[in-house]
Each structure stands twice: as structure tokens, then as C-alpha cells.
């Protein structure tokens, strides 16, 4: 998409908006590769296993939805001011801290709940016999890992401006999935 933007817009260099979106996505991919062990303990892998949902999600849904911002920027260039770029980068860095710390804490707890490094964390036992974290990152918000994902999706979308809903599709979709309405 970066090269397509340069060709379509007849630019000598990619736009700052495209560089931000591509950099954020590269960070996400690199983080997944670096922390691959933690991905194997996710609900998708453990409960669903390999099947249509996982194959379709990894081969179609994720590449499609995660690339909408870059796809949008190819035909709808955005010029960003440096103060706005700074705000977006700070938002992304805050998101990354939440995302990585929450997921690392969850993974460490799943691997060994009695690890001495985790003794400060409180947990409750569930009816399934497993333990549920209720302190640390999980003491601040119910699903800090989802909060990190949601802020990440927003940081990917902000470089696209606000003139179209398409770059915000994943933010809206993920909000619906991560924050479903509660029944009375």
C-alpha cells in the first residue's frame, strides 16, 4: 500500500500518514513474532482449535480489516501536522504499554500462577476450576488486553482523518465484539 500510494499520488516519498499506519502495523507484527509463545495460549487457539474460524480469520479477516487504513490512504491522501503526529504517536505508545504489559501479565499467570513474581496479584477461582486475575492490569479494567487492542485500532485510524467511516471500521467492529451490550 505504501508503494501504491506513492505511485497513485505520484509522490517521491510516502505520506507521513502512510508511514505511521505502516509503522504501527509493523510493530504489531513484530510484537506477535517476538511474543509468539503467548499467542499459542490465546482463547482462539485453546478453545476453538484449528478450523474454519481460525483459518478464515488469519487468512482473510485479519489481513482485510487491518489493512483498511493503508488501503484508504492510497486514494485519500492525508497531510498531517507534526503536533497531530506527536499526539498519535503518544497514543500509540500508551496503547502499546497497555497491550504488551496486560498480555505479558496474563501469559505469565497462565503459565505459572504460583510464580514468585506474580505473588502480588490477586485472583479468584472460577466454577471451571481456573483462576481469574482481579488485580494488576485486571484490577483497572475488565479486559485490559482488549483496551490495548481498541486503542491500537484507533491509533491506526487517526492518520486517515475523519472524512470517511472506512478507516474506522475495525475500531467500530472491535468495540462491538469487545464491549457487547449486557443483558439486564
N, C-alpha and C. Protein backbone atom coordinates (compact mmCIF):
# COMPACT_ATOMS: atom_id res chain seq x y z
N UNK A 1 0.82 -1.19 0.00
CA UNK A 1 0.00 0.00 0.00
C UNK A 1 0.87 1.26 0.00
N UNK A 2 1.99 1.19 0.70
CA UNK A 2 2.90 2.33 0.73
C UNK A 2 3.40 2.66 -0.67
N UNK A 3 3.82 1.64 -1.39
CA UNK A 3 4.30 1.85 -2.76
C UNK A 3 3.14 2.25 -3.68
N UNK A 4 1.97 1.67 -3.46
CA UNK A 4 0.81 2.03 -4.27
C UNK A 4 0.43 3.49 -4.06
N UNK A 5 0.53 3.97 -2.83
CA UNK A 5 0.24 5.38 -2.56
C UNK A 5 1.21 6.28 -3.32
N UNK A 6 2.48 5.93 -3.31
CA UNK A 6 3.48 6.74 -4.00
C UNK A 6 3.21 6.77 -5.50
N UNK A 7 2.80 5.63 -6.06
CA UNK A 7 2.52 5.56 -7.49
C UNK A 7 1.25 6.31 -7.84
N UNK A 8 0.16 6.03 -7.13
CA UNK A 8 -1.13 6.65 -7.44
C UNK A 8 -1.10 8.16 -7.22
N UNK A 9 -0.46 8.60 -6.15
CA UNK A 9 -0.39 10.02 -5.83
C UNK A 9 0.80 10.72 -6.48
N UNK A 10 1.59 9.95 -7.24
CA UNK A 10 2.79 10.48 -7.89
C UNK A 10 3.68 11.23 -6.91
N UNK A 11 4.00 10.52 -5.84
CA UNK A 11 4.83 11.09 -4.77
C UNK A 11 6.23 10.50 -4.86
N UNK A 12 7.20 11.27 -4.45
CA UNK A 12 8.57 10.78 -4.39
C UNK A 12 8.83 10.01 -3.11
N UNK A 13 7.98 10.22 -2.12
CA UNK A 13 8.11 9.55 -0.82
C UNK A 13 6.70 9.32 -0.28
N UNK A 14 6.55 8.33 0.58
CA UNK A 14 5.21 8.08 1.13
C UNK A 14 4.79 9.22 2.06
N UNK A 15 3.49 9.37 2.22
CA UNK A 15 2.98 10.40 3.12
C UNK A 15 3.28 10.02 4.57
N UNK A 16 3.31 10.99 5.42
CA UNK A 16 3.54 10.75 6.84
C UNK A 16 2.42 9.88 7.42
N UNK A 17 1.20 10.08 6.95
CA UNK A 17 0.08 9.26 7.41
C UNK A 17 0.33 7.79 7.08
N UNK A 18 0.76 7.51 5.86
CA UNK A 18 1.03 6.13 5.44
C UNK A 18 2.20 5.54 6.22
N UNK A 19 3.22 6.33 6.47
CA UNK A 19 4.37 5.86 7.25
C UNK A 19 3.92 5.48 8.66
N UNK A 20 3.06 6.30 9.26
CA UNK A 20 2.55 5.99 10.60
C UNK A 20 1.78 4.68 10.60
N UNK A 21 0.83 4.55 9.69
CA UNK A 21 0.00 3.35 9.63
C UNK A 21 0.87 2.12 9.42
N UNK A 22 1.79 2.18 8.47
CA UNK A 22 2.66 1.03 8.19
C UNK A 22 3.58 0.73 9.37
N UNK A 23 4.09 1.75 10.02
CA UNK A 23 4.97 1.55 11.19
C UNK A 23 4.21 0.90 12.34
N UNK A 24 2.99 1.37 12.58
CA UNK A 24 2.18 0.78 13.65
C UNK A 24 1.87 -0.68 13.36
N UNK A 25 1.56 -0.98 12.12
CA UNK A 25 1.25 -2.35 11.76
C UNK A 25 2.51 -3.23 11.83
N UNK A 26 3.65 -2.68 11.44
CA UNK A 26 4.90 -3.42 11.55
C UNK A 26 5.21 -3.73 13.01
N UNK A 27 5.00 -2.77 13.89
CA UNK A 27 5.22 -3.00 15.32
C UNK A 27 4.32 -4.14 15.81
N UNK A 28 3.08 -4.15 15.38
CA UNK A 28 2.13 -5.20 15.78
C UNK A 28 2.61 -6.58 15.31
N UNK A 29 3.06 -6.67 14.07
CA UNK A 29 3.55 -7.93 13.52
C UNK A 29 4.82 -8.37 14.25
N UNK A 30 5.74 -7.45 14.45
CA UNK A 30 6.99 -7.78 15.14
C UNK A 30 6.72 -8.24 16.57
N UNK A 31 5.78 -7.57 17.24
CA UNK A 31 5.41 -7.96 18.60
C UNK A 31 4.84 -9.38 18.61
N UNK A 32 3.99 -9.70 17.64
CA UNK A 32 3.41 -11.04 17.57
C UNK A 32 4.49 -12.09 17.33
N UNK A 33 5.46 -11.78 16.49
CA UNK A 33 6.55 -12.73 16.24
C UNK A 33 7.44 -12.89 17.48
N UNK A 34 7.74 -11.79 18.14
CA UNK A 34 8.61 -11.83 19.31
C UNK A 34 7.93 -12.55 20.47
N UNK A 35 6.62 -12.39 20.60
CA UNK A 35 5.86 -12.98 21.70
C UNK A 35 4.98 -14.13 21.21
N UNK A 36 5.48 -14.87 20.25
CA UNK A 36 4.69 -15.94 19.64
C UNK A 36 4.22 -16.97 20.67
N UNK A 37 5.04 -17.26 21.65
CA UNK A 37 4.67 -18.24 22.67
C UNK A 37 3.36 -17.86 23.35
N UNK A 38 3.16 -16.58 23.61
CA UNK A 38 1.94 -16.13 24.27
C UNK A 38 0.72 -16.29 23.37
N UNK A 39 0.91 -16.19 22.07
CA UNK A 39 -0.22 -16.34 21.14
C UNK A 39 -0.78 -17.75 21.16
N UNK A 40 0.07 -18.71 21.47
CA UNK A 40 -0.39 -20.10 21.48
C UNK A 40 -1.28 -20.40 22.68
N UNK A 41 -1.34 -19.48 23.64
CA UNK A 41 -2.20 -19.66 24.81
C UNK A 41 -3.48 -18.84 24.73
N UNK A 42 -3.77 -18.27 23.57
CA UNK A 42 -4.97 -17.44 23.46
C UNK A 42 -6.22 -18.29 23.35
N UNK A 43 -7.34 -17.68 23.62
CA UNK A 43 -8.62 -18.37 23.59
C UNK A 43 -8.89 -18.98 22.21
N UNK A 44 -8.51 -18.25 21.16
CA UNK A 44 -8.74 -18.76 19.80
C UNK A 44 -8.08 -20.11 19.59
N UNK A 45 -6.87 -20.25 20.06
CA UNK A 45 -6.11 -21.48 19.86
C UNK A 45 -6.59 -22.58 20.81
N UNK A 46 -6.73 -22.25 22.08
CA UNK A 46 -7.05 -23.27 23.08
C UNK A 46 -8.48 -23.79 22.95
N UNK A 47 -9.44 -22.89 22.81
CA UNK A 47 -10.84 -23.32 22.81
C UNK A 47 -11.37 -23.67 21.42
N UNK A 48 -11.00 -22.89 20.42
CA UNK A 48 -11.53 -23.14 19.08
C UNK A 48 -10.69 -24.13 18.31
N UNK A 49 -9.39 -24.17 18.57
CA UNK A 49 -8.51 -25.05 17.82
C UNK A 49 -8.40 -24.59 16.37
N UNK A 50 -7.74 -25.40 15.58
CA UNK A 50 -7.59 -25.04 14.17
C UNK A 50 -8.81 -25.51 13.41
N UNK A 51 -9.43 -24.62 12.74
CA UNK A 51 -10.63 -24.93 11.96
C UNK A 51 -10.97 -23.74 11.09
N UNK A 52 -12.19 -23.70 10.62
CA UNK A 52 -12.61 -22.64 9.71
C UNK A 52 -12.42 -21.25 10.32
N UNK A 53 -12.87 -21.08 11.58
CA UNK A 53 -12.80 -19.75 12.21
C UNK A 53 -11.37 -19.23 12.24
N UNK A 54 -10.45 -20.05 12.70
CA UNK A 54 -9.06 -19.61 12.81
C UNK A 54 -8.44 -19.42 11.43
N UNK A 55 -8.67 -20.35 10.53
CA UNK A 55 -8.10 -20.24 9.17
C UNK A 55 -8.67 -19.02 8.45
N UNK A 56 -9.98 -18.86 8.48
CA UNK A 56 -10.61 -17.72 7.81
C UNK A 56 -10.15 -16.41 8.46
N UNK A 57 -10.12 -16.39 9.78
CA UNK A 57 -9.70 -15.18 10.49
C UNK A 57 -8.29 -14.77 10.16
N UNK A 58 -7.37 -15.73 10.18
CA UNK A 58 -5.96 -15.41 9.94
C UNK A 58 -5.62 -15.16 8.48
N UNK A 59 -6.35 -15.79 7.58
CA UNK A 59 -6.03 -15.65 6.17
C UNK A 59 -6.87 -14.60 5.44
N UNK A 60 -8.04 -14.27 5.98
CA UNK A 60 -8.92 -13.33 5.29
C UNK A 60 -9.28 -12.14 6.16
N UNK A 61 -9.93 -12.39 7.29
CA UNK A 61 -10.49 -11.32 8.10
C UNK A 61 -9.42 -10.35 8.61
N UNK A 62 -8.40 -10.87 9.27
CA UNK A 62 -7.36 -10.00 9.84
C UNK A 62 -6.63 -9.21 8.75
N UNK A 63 -6.14 -9.85 7.68
CA UNK A 63 -5.46 -9.04 6.65
C UNK A 63 -6.39 -8.00 6.02
N UNK A 64 -7.65 -8.33 5.84
CA UNK A 64 -8.60 -7.38 5.24
C UNK A 64 -8.86 -6.20 6.17
N UNK A 65 -9.24 -6.47 7.40
CA UNK A 65 -9.61 -5.38 8.30
C UNK A 65 -8.41 -4.57 8.76
N UNK A 66 -7.26 -5.22 8.96
CA UNK A 66 -6.10 -4.49 9.44
C UNK A 66 -5.44 -3.65 8.35
N UNK A 67 -5.78 -3.87 7.10
CA UNK A 67 -5.17 -3.11 6.02
C UNK A 67 -6.09 -2.01 5.47
N UNK A 68 -7.27 -1.86 6.02
CA UNK A 68 -8.22 -0.87 5.50
C UNK A 68 -7.67 0.56 5.57
N UNK A 69 -6.94 0.88 6.64
CA UNK A 69 -6.41 2.24 6.78
C UNK A 69 -5.39 2.54 5.67
N UNK A 70 -4.47 1.61 5.44
CA UNK A 70 -3.48 1.82 4.38
C UNK A 70 -4.16 1.85 3.02
N UNK A 71 -5.14 0.97 2.81
CA UNK A 71 -5.89 0.94 1.56
C UNK A 71 -6.59 2.28 1.32
N UNK A 72 -7.17 2.82 2.37
CA UNK A 72 -7.87 4.10 2.28
C UNK A 72 -6.89 5.23 1.91
N UNK A 73 -5.72 5.23 2.51
CA UNK A 73 -4.75 6.30 2.28
C UNK A 73 -4.20 6.31 0.86
N UNK A 74 -4.25 5.18 0.17
CA UNK A 74 -3.76 5.14 -1.21
C UNK A 74 -4.53 6.14 -2.07
N UNK A 75 -5.84 6.19 -1.90
CA UNK A 75 -6.68 7.06 -2.73
C UNK A 75 -7.13 8.35 -2.04
N UNK A 76 -6.90 8.42 -0.74
CA UNK A 76 -7.35 9.60 0.02
C UNK A 76 -6.19 10.12 0.87
N UNK A 77 -5.25 10.82 0.24
CA UNK A 77 -4.07 11.27 0.98
C UNK A 77 -4.45 12.23 2.11
N UNK A 78 -3.69 12.13 3.17
CA UNK A 78 -3.91 13.00 4.33
C UNK A 78 -2.60 13.69 4.67
N UNK A 79 -2.67 14.98 4.83
CA UNK A 79 -1.50 15.72 5.28
C UNK A 79 -1.67 15.97 6.77
N UNK A 80 -0.70 15.53 7.54
CA UNK A 80 -0.78 15.64 9.00
C UNK A 80 0.20 16.68 9.52
N UNK A 81 -0.23 17.40 10.53
CA UNK A 81 0.67 18.35 11.18
C UNK A 81 1.53 17.59 12.18
N UNK A 82 2.69 18.13 12.49
CA UNK A 82 3.58 17.47 13.45
C UNK A 82 2.97 17.38 14.84
N UNK A 83 2.23 18.40 15.31
CA UNK A 83 1.59 18.23 16.62
C UNK A 83 0.60 17.06 16.64
N UNK A 84 -0.18 16.90 15.55
CA UNK A 84 -1.11 15.77 15.47
C UNK A 84 -0.36 14.45 15.42
N UNK A 85 0.71 14.40 14.64
CA UNK A 85 1.53 13.19 14.57
C UNK A 85 2.07 12.85 15.95
N UNK A 86 2.51 13.84 16.69
CA UNK A 86 3.03 13.61 18.04
C UNK A 86 1.96 13.02 18.95
N UNK A 87 0.75 13.55 18.88
CA UNK A 87 -0.36 13.04 19.69
C UNK A 87 -0.66 11.59 19.32
N UNK A 88 -0.69 11.29 18.04
CA UNK A 88 -0.98 9.93 17.58
C UNK A 88 0.11 8.96 18.05
N UNK A 89 1.36 9.39 17.97
CA UNK A 89 2.48 8.53 18.40
C UNK A 89 2.41 8.29 19.91
N UNK A 90 2.12 9.33 20.69
CA UNK A 90 2.00 9.17 22.14
C UNK A 90 0.85 8.21 22.47
N UNK A 91 -0.27 8.36 21.76
CA UNK A 91 -1.40 7.45 21.95
C UNK A 91 -0.98 6.02 21.65
N UNK A 92 -0.26 5.84 20.55
CA UNK A 92 0.19 4.51 20.17
C UNK A 92 1.15 3.93 21.21
N UNK A 93 2.05 4.74 21.73
CA UNK A 93 2.99 4.26 22.75
C UNK A 93 2.25 3.87 24.03
N UNK A 94 1.27 4.67 24.43
CA UNK A 94 0.45 4.33 25.61
C UNK A 94 -0.29 3.03 25.37
N UNK A 95 -0.85 2.90 24.18
CA UNK A 95 -1.55 1.67 23.81
C UNK A 95 -0.61 0.48 23.89
N UNK A 96 0.57 0.63 23.37
CA UNK A 96 1.49 -0.50 23.33
C UNK A 96 1.86 -0.94 24.74
N UNK A 97 2.06 0.01 25.64
CA UNK A 97 2.37 -0.34 27.03
C UNK A 97 1.21 -1.14 27.63
N UNK A 98 -0.02 -0.68 27.44
CA UNK A 98 -1.18 -1.39 27.96
C UNK A 98 -1.28 -2.78 27.32
N UNK A 99 -1.22 -2.81 26.00
CA UNK A 99 -1.35 -4.06 25.24
C UNK A 99 -0.30 -5.08 25.66
N UNK A 100 0.97 -4.69 25.64
CA UNK A 100 2.05 -5.63 25.91
C UNK A 100 2.09 -6.04 27.38
N UNK A 101 1.96 -5.08 28.29
CA UNK A 101 2.02 -5.42 29.72
C UNK A 101 0.85 -6.31 30.13
N UNK A 102 -0.35 -5.99 29.68
CA UNK A 102 -1.52 -6.79 30.03
C UNK A 102 -1.39 -8.21 29.47
N UNK A 103 -1.00 -8.32 28.23
CA UNK A 103 -0.86 -9.65 27.63
C UNK A 103 0.29 -10.44 28.25
N UNK A 104 1.37 -9.77 28.60
CA UNK A 104 2.50 -10.45 29.24
C UNK A 104 2.11 -10.94 30.63
N UNK A 105 1.38 -10.10 31.37
CA UNK A 105 0.93 -10.49 32.71
C UNK A 105 -0.02 -11.69 32.63
N UNK A 106 -0.94 -11.65 31.69
CA UNK A 106 -1.89 -12.75 31.51
C UNK A 106 -1.16 -14.04 31.13
N UNK A 107 -0.20 -13.94 30.22
CA UNK A 107 0.54 -15.12 29.79
C UNK A 107 1.37 -15.70 30.93
N UNK A 108 2.04 -14.85 31.69
CA UNK A 108 2.84 -15.33 32.82
C UNK A 108 1.95 -16.01 33.85
N UNK A 109 0.78 -15.47 34.11
CA UNK A 109 -0.15 -16.05 35.07
C UNK A 109 -0.68 -17.40 34.56
N UNK A 110 -0.97 -17.49 33.29
CA UNK A 110 -1.45 -18.77 32.73
C UNK A 110 -0.36 -19.84 32.80
N UNK A 111 0.88 -19.44 32.53
CA UNK A 111 1.98 -20.42 32.54
C UNK A 111 2.25 -20.95 33.94
N UNK A 112 2.28 -20.03 34.94
CA UNK A 112 2.62 -20.45 36.30
C UNK A 112 2.01 -19.47 37.30
N UNK A 113 0.76 -19.72 37.74
CA UNK A 113 0.11 -18.79 38.67
C UNK A 113 0.83 -18.64 40.00
N UNK A 114 1.66 -19.62 40.36
CA UNK A 114 2.36 -19.53 41.64
C UNK A 114 3.78 -18.97 41.51
N UNK A 115 4.09 -18.39 40.37
CA UNK A 115 5.39 -17.75 40.15
C UNK A 115 5.59 -16.66 41.20
N UNK A 116 6.76 -16.64 41.88
CA UNK A 116 7.01 -15.62 42.91
C UNK A 116 6.88 -14.17 42.40
N UNK A 117 7.12 -13.96 41.11
CA UNK A 117 6.99 -12.61 40.55
C UNK A 117 5.53 -12.16 40.48
N UNK A 118 4.60 -13.10 40.62
CA UNK A 118 3.17 -12.80 40.49
C UNK A 118 2.43 -12.85 41.83
N UNK A 119 3.17 -13.00 42.93
CA UNK A 119 2.50 -13.14 44.23
C UNK A 119 1.71 -11.90 44.63
N UNK A 120 2.04 -10.75 44.08
CA UNK A 120 1.31 -9.53 44.40
C UNK A 120 -0.07 -9.48 43.72
N UNK A 121 -0.30 -10.36 42.76
CA UNK A 121 -1.57 -10.36 42.03
C UNK A 121 -2.62 -11.17 42.78
N UNK A 122 -3.82 -10.64 42.79
CA UNK A 122 -4.95 -11.34 43.40
C UNK A 122 -5.74 -12.03 42.30
N UNK A 123 -6.30 -13.18 42.65
CA UNK A 123 -7.13 -13.91 41.70
C UNK A 123 -8.28 -14.56 42.45
N UNK A 124 -9.30 -14.91 41.70
CA UNK A 124 -10.43 -15.65 42.26
C UNK A 124 -10.57 -16.95 41.48
N UNK A 125 -11.08 -17.96 42.15
CA UNK A 125 -11.28 -19.24 41.48
C UNK A 125 -12.66 -19.24 40.84
N UNK A 126 -12.73 -19.76 39.63
CA UNK A 126 -14.00 -19.81 38.89
C UNK A 126 -14.63 -21.19 39.04
N UNK A 127 -15.85 -21.31 38.58
CA UNK A 127 -16.56 -22.59 38.66
C UNK A 127 -15.92 -23.65 37.76
N UNK A 128 -15.12 -23.21 36.80
CA UNK A 128 -14.44 -24.17 35.91
C UNK A 128 -13.15 -24.69 36.52
N UNK A 129 -12.79 -24.18 37.70
CA UNK A 129 -11.57 -24.62 38.35
C UNK A 129 -10.35 -23.81 38.00
N UNK A 130 -10.52 -22.81 37.16
CA UNK A 130 -9.40 -21.96 36.79
C UNK A 130 -9.38 -20.70 37.66
N UNK A 131 -8.30 -19.97 37.60
CA UNK A 131 -8.18 -18.72 38.36
C UNK A 131 -8.32 -17.54 37.42
N UNK A 132 -8.91 -16.49 37.93
CA UNK A 132 -9.15 -15.28 37.16
C UNK A 132 -8.46 -14.11 37.85
N UNK A 133 -7.62 -13.41 37.12
CA UNK A 133 -6.92 -12.25 37.69
C UNK A 133 -7.91 -11.14 38.02
N UNK A 134 -7.75 -10.52 39.19
CA UNK A 134 -8.60 -9.39 39.57
C UNK A 134 -7.78 -8.21 40.09
N UNK A 135 -6.47 -8.27 39.89
CA UNK A 135 -5.61 -7.14 40.26
C UNK A 135 -4.57 -6.98 39.16
N UNK A 136 -3.61 -6.09 39.37
CA UNK A 136 -2.67 -5.78 38.30
C UNK A 136 -3.43 -5.03 37.22
N UNK A 137 -3.16 -5.34 35.98
CA UNK A 137 -3.88 -4.68 34.89
C UNK A 137 -5.37 -5.01 34.94
N UNK A 138 -5.71 -6.21 35.43
CA UNK A 138 -7.11 -6.62 35.52
C UNK A 138 -7.82 -5.98 36.71
N UNK A 139 -7.09 -5.27 37.54
CA UNK A 139 -7.71 -4.51 38.62
C UNK A 139 -8.16 -3.13 38.16
N UNK A 140 -7.64 -2.67 37.03
CA UNK A 140 -8.01 -1.36 36.49
C UNK A 140 -9.21 -1.44 35.57
N UNK A 141 -9.23 -2.48 34.74
CA UNK A 141 -10.27 -2.61 33.72
C UNK A 141 -10.52 -4.10 33.50
N UNK A 142 -11.72 -4.45 33.09
CA UNK A 142 -12.09 -5.86 32.97
C UNK A 142 -11.22 -6.62 31.95
N UNK A 143 -10.97 -6.03 30.81
CA UNK A 143 -10.16 -6.66 29.77
C UNK A 143 -9.11 -5.67 29.26
N UNK A 144 -8.01 -5.49 30.00
CA UNK A 144 -7.00 -4.51 29.56
C UNK A 144 -6.38 -4.88 28.21
N UNK A 145 -6.33 -6.18 27.89
CA UNK A 145 -5.79 -6.58 26.60
C UNK A 145 -6.71 -6.10 25.47
N UNK A 146 -8.02 -6.12 25.69
CA UNK A 146 -8.95 -5.60 24.69
C UNK A 146 -8.84 -4.08 24.60
N UNK A 147 -8.66 -3.43 25.74
CA UNK A 147 -8.49 -1.98 25.74
C UNK A 147 -7.27 -1.60 24.90
N UNK A 148 -6.16 -2.34 25.07
CA UNK A 148 -4.97 -2.09 24.26
C UNK A 148 -5.24 -2.29 22.78
N UNK A 149 -5.97 -3.34 22.43
CA UNK A 149 -6.33 -3.58 21.03
C UNK A 149 -7.20 -2.46 20.48
N UNK A 150 -8.14 -2.00 21.28
CA UNK A 150 -9.05 -0.95 20.84
C UNK A 150 -8.32 0.37 20.61
N UNK A 151 -7.43 0.73 21.52
CA UNK A 151 -6.65 1.96 21.35
C UNK A 151 -5.71 1.81 20.15
N UNK A 152 -5.17 0.60 19.96
CA UNK A 152 -4.32 0.36 18.79
C UNK A 152 -5.09 0.60 17.50
N UNK A 153 -6.30 0.07 17.44
CA UNK A 153 -7.12 0.26 16.24
C UNK A 153 -7.40 1.74 16.01
N UNK A 154 -7.63 2.48 17.07
CA UNK A 154 -7.85 3.93 16.94
C UNK A 154 -6.59 4.63 16.45
N UNK A 155 -5.44 4.26 17.00
CA UNK A 155 -4.17 4.88 16.57
C UNK A 155 -3.89 4.59 15.10
N UNK A 156 -4.28 3.42 14.61
CA UNK A 156 -4.10 3.10 13.20
C UNK A 156 -5.03 3.93 12.32
N UNK A 157 -6.17 4.31 12.86
CA UNK A 157 -7.19 5.01 12.06
C UNK A 157 -7.00 6.52 12.05
N UNK A 158 -6.51 7.10 13.11
CA UNK A 158 -6.39 8.56 13.21
C UNK A 158 -5.59 9.20 12.07
N UNK A 159 -4.52 8.59 11.56
CA UNK A 159 -3.81 9.22 10.44
C UNK A 159 -4.66 9.38 9.18
N UNK A 160 -5.81 8.73 9.13
CA UNK A 160 -6.68 8.78 7.95
C UNK A 160 -7.66 9.95 8.00
N UNK A 161 -7.65 10.72 9.08
CA UNK A 161 -8.58 11.84 9.19
C UNK A 161 -9.97 11.36 9.56
N UNK A 162 -10.95 12.24 9.36
CA UNK A 162 -12.31 11.94 9.80
C UNK A 162 -13.35 12.12 8.70
N UNK A 163 -12.92 12.09 7.44
CA UNK A 163 -13.87 12.35 6.37
C UNK A 163 -14.60 11.11 5.88
N UNK A 164 -14.20 9.92 6.35
CA UNK A 164 -14.85 8.70 5.90
C UNK A 164 -14.86 7.68 7.03
N UNK A 165 -15.86 6.82 7.04
CA UNK A 165 -16.01 5.80 8.07
C UNK A 165 -15.13 4.57 7.84
N UNK A 166 -14.73 4.32 6.60
CA UNK A 166 -13.99 3.10 6.26
C UNK A 166 -12.75 2.86 7.14
N UNK A 167 -11.89 3.85 7.36
CA UNK A 167 -10.71 3.57 8.18
C UNK A 167 -11.06 3.22 9.64
N UNK A 168 -12.26 3.54 10.06
CA UNK A 168 -12.69 3.29 11.44
C UNK A 168 -13.53 2.02 11.56
N UNK A 169 -13.65 1.26 10.47
CA UNK A 169 -14.46 0.04 10.50
C UNK A 169 -13.99 -0.90 11.60
N UNK A 170 -12.68 -1.16 11.68
CA UNK A 170 -12.19 -2.11 12.67
C UNK A 170 -12.41 -1.59 14.08
N UNK A 171 -12.25 -0.31 14.32
CA UNK A 171 -12.49 0.26 15.65
C UNK A 171 -13.94 -0.01 16.05
N UNK A 172 -14.86 0.27 15.14
CA UNK A 172 -16.29 0.08 15.42
C UNK A 172 -16.61 -1.40 15.61
N UNK A 173 -16.10 -2.23 14.72
CA UNK A 173 -16.33 -3.66 14.82
C UNK A 173 -15.79 -4.21 16.14
N UNK A 174 -14.55 -3.87 16.47
CA UNK A 174 -13.92 -4.40 17.68
C UNK A 174 -14.62 -3.90 18.93
N UNK A 175 -15.11 -2.68 18.92
CA UNK A 175 -15.87 -2.16 20.06
C UNK A 175 -17.10 -3.02 20.29
N UNK A 176 -17.78 -3.39 19.22
CA UNK A 176 -18.95 -4.25 19.33
C UNK A 176 -18.61 -5.65 19.85
N UNK A 177 -17.47 -6.18 19.44
CA UNK A 177 -17.07 -7.52 19.85
C UNK A 177 -16.55 -7.50 21.30
N UNK A 178 -15.72 -6.51 21.62
CA UNK A 178 -15.08 -6.46 22.94
C UNK A 178 -16.00 -5.91 24.02
N UNK A 179 -16.97 -5.11 23.63
CA UNK A 179 -17.86 -4.46 24.60
C UNK A 179 -19.32 -4.71 24.24
N UNK A 180 -19.74 -5.99 24.21
CA UNK A 180 -21.13 -6.24 23.84
C UNK A 180 -22.08 -5.68 24.90
N UNK A 181 -23.30 -5.32 24.49
CA UNK A 181 -24.25 -4.83 25.49
C UNK A 181 -24.58 -5.94 26.49
N UNK A 182 -24.74 -5.55 27.73
CA UNK A 182 -25.06 -6.53 28.77
C UNK A 182 -26.58 -6.70 28.84
N UNK A 183 -26.97 -7.94 29.06
CA UNK A 183 -28.41 -8.18 29.20
C UNK A 183 -28.82 -7.83 30.64
N UNK A 184 -30.04 -7.33 30.82
CA UNK A 184 -30.48 -6.92 32.17
C UNK A 184 -30.66 -8.06 33.11
